[in-house]
Amino acid sequence: HLIDIGLTTPSSYLSIVLDDNICGADNAPWTTYTTYTTYTTTKNCDIQKDKSKSQSCNTAVVVNVPSPLGNTPHGYKYACECKIP
């Protein structure tokens, strides 16, 4: 559906959604979030241990990503007109 209106990437969709143009009341719902956990790895993160050994730790980071479309989109923004599918 988004490809049909010339939007092929999430960034091109967001650039239109976040545009300053007022486009009626049917704006994309930003109340839904997808939460996932990723891990960052740091080296030598415990300086109290033997420094001759390379230490590595995994730190869990929770990331919330806006999901304006979700599984069932209920209102999103075209370039100059808002429609509800």
PDB file of N, CA and C in Angstrom:
ATOM      1  N   HIS A   1       0.826  -1.197   0.000  1.00  0.00           N
ATOM      2  CA  HIS A   1       0.000   0.000   0.000  1.00  0.00           C
ATOM      3  C   HIS A   1       0.867   1.256   0.000  1.00  0.00           C
ATOM      4  N   LEU A   2       1.912   1.231   0.835  1.00  0.00           N
ATOM      5  CA  LEU A   2       2.791   2.394   0.875  1.00  0.00           C
ATOM      6  C   LEU A   2       3.598   2.514  -0.407  1.00  0.00           C
ATOM      7  N   ILE A   3       3.963   1.365  -0.997  1.00  0.00           N
ATOM      8  CA  ILE A   3       4.713   1.407  -2.248  1.00  0.00           C
ATOM      9  C   ILE A   3       3.865   2.036  -3.349  1.00  0.00           C
ATOM     10  N   ASP A   4       2.564   1.785  -3.302  1.00  0.00           N
ATOM     11  CA  ASP A   4       1.663   2.348  -4.312  1.00  0.00           C
ATOM     12  C   ASP A   4       1.670   3.872  -4.312  1.00  0.00           C
ATOM     13  N   ILE A   5       1.948   4.473  -3.166  1.00  0.00           N
ATOM     14  CA  ILE A   5       1.957   5.938  -3.106  1.00  0.00           C
ATOM     15  C   ILE A   5       3.385   6.474  -3.105  1.00  0.00           C
ATOM     16  N   GLY A   6       4.339   5.620  -3.492  1.00  0.00           N
ATOM     17  CA  GLY A   6       5.708   6.085  -3.665  1.00  0.00           C
ATOM     18  C   GLY A   6       6.571   6.027  -2.430  1.00  0.00           C
ATOM     19  N   LEU A   7       6.124   5.356  -1.394  1.00  0.00           N
ATOM     20  CA  LEU A   7       6.925   5.245  -0.182  1.00  0.00           C
ATOM     21  C   LEU A   7       7.507   3.842  -0.122  1.00  0.00           C
ATOM     22  N   THR A   8       8.809   3.739  -0.274  1.00  0.00           N
ATOM     23  CA  THR A   8       9.437   2.424  -0.336  1.00  0.00           C
ATOM     24  C   THR A   8      10.300   2.126   0.873  1.00  0.00           C
ATOM     25  N   THR A   9      10.560   3.109   1.720  1.00  0.00           N
ATOM     26  CA  THR A   9      11.381   2.890   2.906  1.00  0.00           C
ATOM     27  C   THR A   9      10.686   3.495   4.111  1.00  0.00           C
ATOM     28  N   PRO A  10      10.986   2.975   5.304  1.00  0.00           N
ATOM     29  CA  PRO A  10      10.404   3.580   6.523  1.00  0.00           C
ATOM     30  C   PRO A  10      10.756   5.057   6.657  1.00  0.00           C
ATOM     31  N   SER A  11      11.975   5.431   6.260  1.00  0.00           N
ATOM     32  CA  SER A  11      12.363   6.833   6.416  1.00  0.00           C
ATOM     33  C   SER A  11      11.547   7.738   5.507  1.00  0.00           C
ATOM     34  N   SER A  12      11.197   7.262   4.309  1.00  0.00           N
ATOM     35  CA  SER A  12      10.380   8.100   3.437  1.00  0.00           C
ATOM     36  C   SER A  12       8.967   8.227   3.979  1.00  0.00           C
ATOM     37  N   TYR A  13       8.489   7.179   4.636  1.00  0.00           N
ATOM     38  CA  TYR A  13       7.177   7.260   5.282  1.00  0.00           C
ATOM     39  C   TYR A  13       7.222   8.242   6.440  1.00  0.00           C
ATOM     40  N   LEU A  14       8.260   8.118   7.274  1.00  0.00           N
ATOM     41  CA  LEU A  14       8.357   8.987   8.443  1.00  0.00           C
ATOM     42  C   LEU A  14       8.552  10.440   8.036  1.00  0.00           C
ATOM     43  N   SER A  15       9.292  10.672   6.954  1.00  0.00           N
ATOM     44  CA  SER A  15       9.519  12.053   6.550  1.00  0.00           C
ATOM     45  C   SER A  15       8.212  12.733   6.178  1.00  0.00           C
ATOM     46  N   ILE A  16       7.262  11.980   5.675  1.00  0.00           N
ATOM     47  CA  ILE A  16       5.961  12.559   5.345  1.00  0.00           C
ATOM     48  C   ILE A  16       5.090  12.661   6.592  1.00  0.00           C
ATOM     49  N   VAL A  17       5.148  11.638   7.436  1.00  0.00           N
ATOM     50  CA  VAL A  17       4.345  11.665   8.660  1.00  0.00           C
ATOM     51  C   VAL A  17       4.776  12.813   9.558  1.00  0.00           C
ATOM     52  N   LEU A  18       6.078  13.062   9.621  1.00  0.00           N
ATOM     53  CA  LEU A  18       6.593  14.084  10.516  1.00  0.00           C
ATOM     54  C   LEU A  18       6.656  15.458   9.859  1.00  0.00           C
ATOM     55  N   ASP A  19       6.146  15.574   8.639  1.00  0.00           N
ATOM     56  CA  ASP A  19       6.148  16.852   7.941  1.00  0.00           C
ATOM     57  C   ASP A  19       5.315  17.863   8.720  1.00  0.00           C
ATOM     58  N   ASP A  20       5.685  19.119   8.602  1.00  0.00           N
ATOM     59  CA  ASP A  20       4.980  20.165   9.342  1.00  0.00           C
ATOM     60  C   ASP A  20       3.603  20.469   8.780  1.00  0.00           C
ATOM     61  N   ASN A  21       3.308  20.005   7.585  1.00  0.00           N
ATOM     62  CA  ASN A  21       2.003  20.298   7.002  1.00  0.00           C
ATOM     63  C   ASN A  21       0.882  19.705   7.843  1.00  0.00           C
ATOM     64  N   ILE A  22      -0.138  20.494   8.075  1.00  0.00           N
ATOM     65  CA  ILE A  22      -1.301  19.999   8.792  1.00  0.00           C
ATOM     66  C   ILE A  22      -2.132  19.183   7.813  1.00  0.00           C
ATOM     67  N   CYS A  23      -2.470  17.976   8.222  1.00  0.00           N
ATOM     68  CA  CYS A  23      -3.100  17.076   7.261  1.00  0.00           C
ATOM     69  C   CYS A  23      -4.374  16.477   7.838  1.00  0.00           C
ATOM     70  N   GLY A  24      -5.145  17.274   8.557  1.00  0.00           N
ATOM     71  CA  GLY A  24      -6.391  16.745   9.085  1.00  0.00           C
ATOM     72  C   GLY A  24      -6.189  15.965  10.370  1.00  0.00           C
ATOM     73  N   ALA A  25      -7.250  15.310  10.809  1.00  0.00           N
ATOM     74  CA  ALA A  25      -7.223  14.622  12.097  1.00  0.00           C
ATOM     75  C   ALA A  25      -6.684  13.207  12.005  1.00  0.00           C
ATOM     76  N   ASP A  26      -6.589  12.662  10.795  1.00  0.00           N
ATOM     77  CA  ASP A  26      -6.200  11.266  10.651  1.00  0.00           C
ATOM     78  C   ASP A  26      -4.688  11.121  10.584  1.00  0.00           C
ATOM     79  N   ASN A  27      -4.019  11.458  11.669  1.00  0.00           N
ATOM     80  CA  ASN A  27      -2.579  11.313  11.718  1.00  0.00           C
ATOM     81  C   ASN A  27      -2.220   9.896  12.133  1.00  0.00           C
ATOM     82  N   ALA A  28      -0.992   9.523  11.858  1.00  0.00           N
ATOM     83  CA  ALA A  28      -0.560   8.176  12.217  1.00  0.00           C
ATOM     84  C   ALA A  28      -0.584   8.007  13.734  1.00  0.00           C
ATOM     85  N   PRO A  29      -1.108   6.884  14.226  1.00  0.00           N
ATOM     86  CA  PRO A  29      -1.126   6.640  15.664  1.00  0.00           C
ATOM     87  C   PRO A  29       0.260   6.253  16.161  1.00  0.00           C
ATOM     88  N   TRP A  30       0.846   7.087  17.004  1.00  0.00           N
ATOM     89  CA  TRP A  30       2.180   6.800  17.530  1.00  0.00           C
ATOM     90  C   TRP A  30       2.099   6.201  18.932  1.00  0.00           C
ATOM     91  N   THR A  31       0.952   5.634  19.287  1.00  0.00           N
ATOM     92  CA  THR A  31       0.794   5.120  20.648  1.00  0.00           C
ATOM     93  C   THR A  31       1.206   3.671  20.766  1.00  0.00           C
ATOM     94  N   THR A  32       1.516   3.010  19.656  1.00  0.00           N
ATOM     95  CA  THR A  32       1.904   1.609  19.696  1.00  0.00           C
ATOM     96  C   THR A  32       3.411   1.499  19.545  1.00  0.00           C
ATOM     97  N   TYR A  33       4.015   0.699  20.406  1.00  0.00           N
ATOM     98  CA  TYR A  33       5.453   0.532  20.361  1.00  0.00           C
ATOM     99  C   TYR A  33       5.812  -0.942  20.289  1.00  0.00           C
ATOM    100  N   THR A  34       6.861  -1.242  19.549  1.00  0.00           N
ATOM    101  CA  THR A  34       7.447  -2.568  19.550  1.00  0.00           C
ATOM    102  C   THR A  34       8.676  -2.514  20.436  1.00  0.00           C
ATOM    103  N   THR A  35       8.731  -3.393  21.416  1.00  0.00           N
ATOM    104  CA  THR A  35       9.854  -3.410  22.340  1.00  0.00           C
ATOM    105  C   THR A  35      10.718  -4.622  22.064  1.00  0.00           C
ATOM    106  N   TYR A  36      12.005  -4.397  21.913  1.00  0.00           N
ATOM    107  CA  TYR A  36      12.913  -5.522  21.769  1.00  0.00           C
ATOM    108  C   TYR A  36      14.164  -5.245  22.586  1.00  0.00           C
ATOM    109  N   THR A  37      14.872  -6.316  22.905  1.00  0.00           N
ATOM    110  CA  THR A  37      16.073  -6.211  23.726  1.00  0.00           C
ATOM    111  C   THR A  37      17.293  -6.510  22.871  1.00  0.00           C
ATOM    112  N   THR A  38      18.266  -5.638  22.925  1.00  0.00           N
ATOM    113  CA  THR A  38      19.524  -5.861  22.222  1.00  0.00           C
ATOM    114  C   THR A  38      20.645  -5.844  23.249  1.00  0.00           C
ATOM    115  N   TYR A  39      21.794  -6.291  22.842  1.00  0.00           N
ATOM    116  CA  TYR A  39      22.909  -6.388  23.775  1.00  0.00           C
ATOM    117  C   TYR A  39      24.111  -5.617  23.242  1.00  0.00           C
ATOM    118  N   THR A  40      24.754  -4.900  24.156  1.00  0.00           N
ATOM    119  CA  THR A  40      25.991  -4.229  23.805  1.00  0.00           C
ATOM    120  C   THR A  40      27.128  -4.938  24.519  1.00  0.00           C
ATOM    121  N   THR A  41      28.242  -5.077  23.846  1.00  0.00           N
ATOM    122  CA  THR A  41      29.397  -5.768  24.408  1.00  0.00           C
ATOM    123  C   THR A  41      30.485  -4.751  24.700  1.00  0.00           C
ATOM    124  N   THR A  42      31.008  -4.811  25.917  1.00  0.00           N
ATOM    125  CA  THR A  42      32.107  -3.929  26.291  1.00  0.00           C
ATOM    126  C   THR A  42      33.286  -4.781  26.724  1.00  0.00           C
ATOM    127  N   LYS A  43      34.475  -4.321  26.404  1.00  0.00           N
ATOM    128  CA  LYS A  43      35.699  -5.030  26.771  1.00  0.00           C
ATOM    129  C   LYS A  43      36.245  -4.456  28.073  1.00  0.00           C
ATOM    130  N   ASN A  44      36.859  -5.341  28.870  1.00  0.00           N
ATOM    131  CA  ASN A  44      37.501  -4.928  30.120  1.00  0.00           C
ATOM    132  C   ASN A  44      36.561  -4.106  30.988  1.00  0.00           C
ATOM    133  N   CYS A  45      35.341  -4.623  31.186  1.00  0.00           N
ATOM    134  CA  CYS A  45      34.363  -3.823  31.906  1.00  0.00           C
ATOM    135  C   CYS A  45      34.479  -3.984  33.416  1.00  0.00           C
ATOM    136  N   ASP A  46      35.293  -4.926  33.868  1.00  0.00           N
ATOM    137  CA  ASP A  46      35.514  -5.063  35.308  1.00  0.00           C
ATOM    138  C   ASP A  46      36.988  -4.806  35.573  1.00  0.00           C
ATOM    139  N   ILE A  47      37.316  -3.589  35.957  1.00  0.00           N
ATOM    140  CA  ILE A  47      38.722  -3.228  36.121  1.00  0.00           C
ATOM    141  C   ILE A  47      39.312  -3.824  37.392  1.00  0.00           C
ATOM    142  N   GLN A  48      38.481  -4.365  38.258  1.00  0.00           N
ATOM    143  CA  GLN A  48      38.978  -4.965  39.485  1.00  0.00           C
ATOM    144  C   GLN A  48      39.589  -6.335  39.229  1.00  0.00           C
ATOM    145  N   LYS A  49      39.212  -6.955  38.131  1.00  0.00           N
ATOM    146  CA  LYS A  49      39.739  -8.281  37.830  1.00  0.00           C
ATOM    147  C   LYS A  49      41.113  -8.172  37.185  1.00  0.00           C
ATOM    148  N   ASP A  50      41.704  -9.307  36.923  1.00  0.00           N
ATOM    149  CA  ASP A  50      43.035  -9.365  36.339  1.00  0.00           C
ATOM    150  C   ASP A  50      43.048  -8.640  34.995  1.00  0.00           C
ATOM    151  N   LYS A  51      43.822  -7.571  34.924  1.00  0.00           N
ATOM    152  CA  LYS A  51      43.826  -6.767  33.706  1.00  0.00           C
ATOM    153  C   LYS A  51      44.532  -7.457  32.549  1.00  0.00           C
ATOM    154  N   SER A  52      45.296  -8.504  32.842  1.00  0.00           N
ATOM    155  CA  SER A  52      45.986  -9.194  31.760  1.00  0.00           C
ATOM    156  C   SER A  52      45.029 -10.051  30.945  1.00  0.00           C
ATOM    157  N   LYS A  53      43.862 -10.346  31.514  1.00  0.00           N
ATOM    158  CA  LYS A  53      42.862 -11.130  30.794  1.00  0.00           C
ATOM    159  C   LYS A  53      41.832 -10.183  30.180  1.00  0.00           C
ATOM    160  N   SER A  54      41.458 -10.483  28.976  1.00  0.00           N
ATOM    161  CA  SER A  54      40.465  -9.652  28.302  1.00  0.00           C
ATOM    162  C   SER A  54      39.077 -10.028  28.792  1.00  0.00           C
ATOM    163  N   GLN A  55      38.409  -9.084  29.393  1.00  0.00           N
ATOM    164  CA  GLN A  55      37.065  -9.313  29.905  1.00  0.00           C
ATOM    165  C   GLN A  55      36.057  -8.722  28.924  1.00  0.00           C
ATOM    166  N   SER A  56      34.928  -9.378  28.790  1.00  0.00           N
ATOM    167  CA  SER A  56      33.860  -8.799  27.981  1.00  0.00           C
ATOM    168  C   SER A  56      32.534  -9.058  28.669  1.00  0.00           C
ATOM    169  N   CYS A  57      31.673  -8.066  28.625  1.00  0.00           N
ATOM    170  CA  CYS A  57      30.377  -8.187  29.272  1.00  0.00           C
ATOM    171  C   CYS A  57      29.285  -7.825  28.275  1.00  0.00           C
ATOM    172  N   ASN A  58      28.163  -8.508  28.383  1.00  0.00           N
ATOM    173  CA  ASN A  58      26.996  -8.170  27.585  1.00  0.00           C
ATOM    174  C   ASN A  58      26.013  -7.397  28.451  1.00  0.00           C
ATOM    175  N   THR A  59      25.618  -6.242  27.991  1.00  0.00           N
ATOM    176  CA  THR A  59      24.663  -5.411  28.711  1.00  0.00           C
ATOM    177  C   THR A  59      23.369  -5.353  27.912  1.00  0.00           C
ATOM    178  N   ALA A  60      22.279  -5.710  28.569  1.00  0.00           N
ATOM    179  CA  ALA A  60      20.982  -5.699  27.891  1.00  0.00           C
ATOM    180  C   ALA A  60      20.463  -4.271  27.782  1.00  0.00           C
ATOM    181  N   VAL A  61      20.002  -3.913  26.604  1.00  0.00           N
ATOM    182  CA  VAL A  61      19.429  -2.594  26.366  1.00  0.00           C
ATOM    183  C   VAL A  61      18.052  -2.784  25.752  1.00  0.00           C
ATOM    184  N   VAL A  62      17.032  -2.212  26.392  1.00  0.00           N
ATOM    185  CA  VAL A  62      15.670  -2.320  25.882  1.00  0.00           C
ATOM    186  C   VAL A  62      15.389  -1.128  24.980  1.00  0.00           C
ATOM    187  N   VAL A  63      14.911  -1.411  23.783  1.00  0.00           N
ATOM    188  CA  VAL A  63      14.661  -0.364  22.799  1.00  0.00           C
ATOM    189  C   VAL A  63      13.181  -0.353  22.448  1.00  0.00           C
ATOM    190  N   ASN A  64      12.566   0.822  22.509  1.00  0.00           N
ATOM    191  CA  ASN A  64      11.174   0.986  22.088  1.00  0.00           C
ATOM    192  C   ASN A  64      11.140   1.642  20.715  1.00  0.00           C
ATOM    193  N   VAL A  65      10.482   0.981  19.784  1.00  0.00           N
ATOM    194  CA  VAL A  65      10.400   1.492  18.419  1.00  0.00           C
ATOM    195  C   VAL A  65       8.948   1.815  18.106  1.00  0.00           C
ATOM    196  N   PRO A  66       8.646   3.052  17.683  1.00  0.00           N
ATOM    197  CA  PRO A  66       7.263   3.378  17.321  1.00  0.00           C
ATOM    198  C   PRO A  66       6.776   2.495  16.184  1.00  0.00           C
ATOM    199  N   SER A  67       5.558   2.020  16.304  1.00  0.00           N
ATOM    200  CA  SER A  67       4.957   1.185  15.266  1.00  0.00           C
ATOM    201  C   SER A  67       3.669   1.845  14.788  1.00  0.00           C
ATOM    202  N   PRO A  68       3.798   2.871  13.956  1.00  0.00           N
ATOM    203  CA  PRO A  68       2.594   3.609  13.557  1.00  0.00           C
ATOM    204  C   PRO A  68       1.621   2.774  12.746  1.00  0.00           C
ATOM    205  N   LEU A  69       2.134   1.791  12.021  1.00  0.00           N
ATOM    206  CA  LEU A  69       1.234   0.975  11.217  1.00  0.00           C
ATOM    207  C   LEU A  69       0.703  -0.210  11.997  1.00  0.00           C
ATOM    208  N   GLY A  70       1.560  -0.847  12.778  1.00  0.00           N
ATOM    209  CA  GLY A  70       1.112  -1.997  13.549  1.00  0.00           C
ATOM    210  C   GLY A  70       0.679  -3.132  12.650  1.00  0.00           C
ATOM    211  N   ASN A  71      -0.056  -4.077  13.196  1.00  0.00           N
ATOM    212  CA  ASN A  71      -0.545  -5.201  12.411  1.00  0.00           C
ATOM    213  C   ASN A  71      -1.762  -4.818  11.590  1.00  0.00           C
ATOM    214  N   THR A  72      -2.565  -3.904  12.110  1.00  0.00           N
ATOM    215  CA  THR A  72      -3.760  -3.464  11.391  1.00  0.00           C
ATOM    216  C   THR A  72      -3.779  -1.938  11.384  1.00  0.00           C
ATOM    217  N   PRO A  73      -3.232  -1.323  10.348  1.00  0.00           N
ATOM    218  CA  PRO A  73      -3.202   0.140  10.310  1.00  0.00           C
ATOM    219  C   PRO A  73      -4.602   0.727  10.354  1.00  0.00           C
ATOM    220  N   HIS A  74      -4.769   1.775  11.147  1.00  0.00           N
ATOM    221  CA  HIS A  74      -6.088   2.389  11.263  1.00  0.00           C
ATOM    222  C   HIS A  74      -5.990   3.899  11.119  1.00  0.00           C
ATOM    223  N   GLY A  75      -5.296   4.317  10.095  1.00  0.00           N
ATOM    224  CA  GLY A  75      -5.179   5.748   9.885  1.00  0.00           C
ATOM    225  C   GLY A  75      -3.739   6.132   9.685  1.00  0.00           C
ATOM    226  N   TYR A  76      -3.380   6.551   8.504  1.00  0.00           N
ATOM    227  CA  TYR A  76      -2.021   6.980   8.251  1.00  0.00           C
ATOM    228  C   TYR A  76      -2.051   8.116   7.252  1.00  0.00           C
ATOM    229  N   LYS A  77      -0.903   8.717   7.039  1.00  0.00           N
ATOM    230  CA  LYS A  77      -0.839  10.003   6.376  1.00  0.00           C
ATOM    231  C   LYS A  77      -0.307   9.873   4.955  1.00  0.00           C
ATOM    232  N   TYR A  78      -1.068  10.339   4.013  1.00  0.00           N
ATOM    233  CA  TYR A  78      -0.554  10.512   2.662  1.00  0.00           C
ATOM    234  C   TYR A  78       0.139  11.868   2.586  1.00  0.00           C
ATOM    235  N   ALA A  79       0.750  12.150   1.458  1.00  0.00           N
ATOM    236  CA  ALA A  79       1.519  13.389   1.352  1.00  0.00           C
ATOM    237  C   ALA A  79       0.649  14.612   1.606  1.00  0.00           C
ATOM    238  N   CYS A  80      -0.521  14.667   0.981  1.00  0.00           N
ATOM    239  CA  CYS A  80      -1.348  15.862   1.132  1.00  0.00           C
ATOM    240  C   CYS A  80      -2.796  15.545   1.472  1.00  0.00           C
ATOM    241  N   GLU A  81      -3.083  14.324   1.775  1.00  0.00           N
ATOM    242  CA  GLU A  81      -4.437  14.013   2.214  1.00  0.00           C
ATOM    243  C   GLU A  81      -4.385  12.824   3.159  1.00  0.00           C
ATOM    244  N   CYS A  82      -5.271  12.829   4.113  1.00  0.00           N
ATOM    245  CA  CYS A  82      -5.310  11.750   5.083  1.00  0.00           C
ATOM    246  C   CYS A  82      -6.482  10.847   4.778  1.00  0.00           C
ATOM    247  N   LYS A  83      -6.214   9.569   4.821  1.00  0.00           N
ATOM    248  CA  LYS A  83      -7.282   8.610   4.560  1.00  0.00           C
ATOM    249  C   LYS A  83      -7.246   7.520   5.611  1.00  0.00           C
ATOM    250  N   ILE A  84      -8.392   6.940   5.882  1.00  0.00           N
ATOM    251  CA  ILE A  84      -8.467   5.767   6.746  1.00  0.00           C
ATOM    252  C   ILE A  84      -8.838   4.590   5.862  1.00  0.00           C
ATOM    253  N   PRO A  85      -7.969   3.585   5.786  1.00  0.00           N
ATOM    254  CA  PRO A  85      -8.261   2.451   4.897  1.00  0.00           C
ATOM    255  C   PRO A  85      -9.441   1.631   5.379  1.00  0.00           C
TER     256      PRO A  85
END
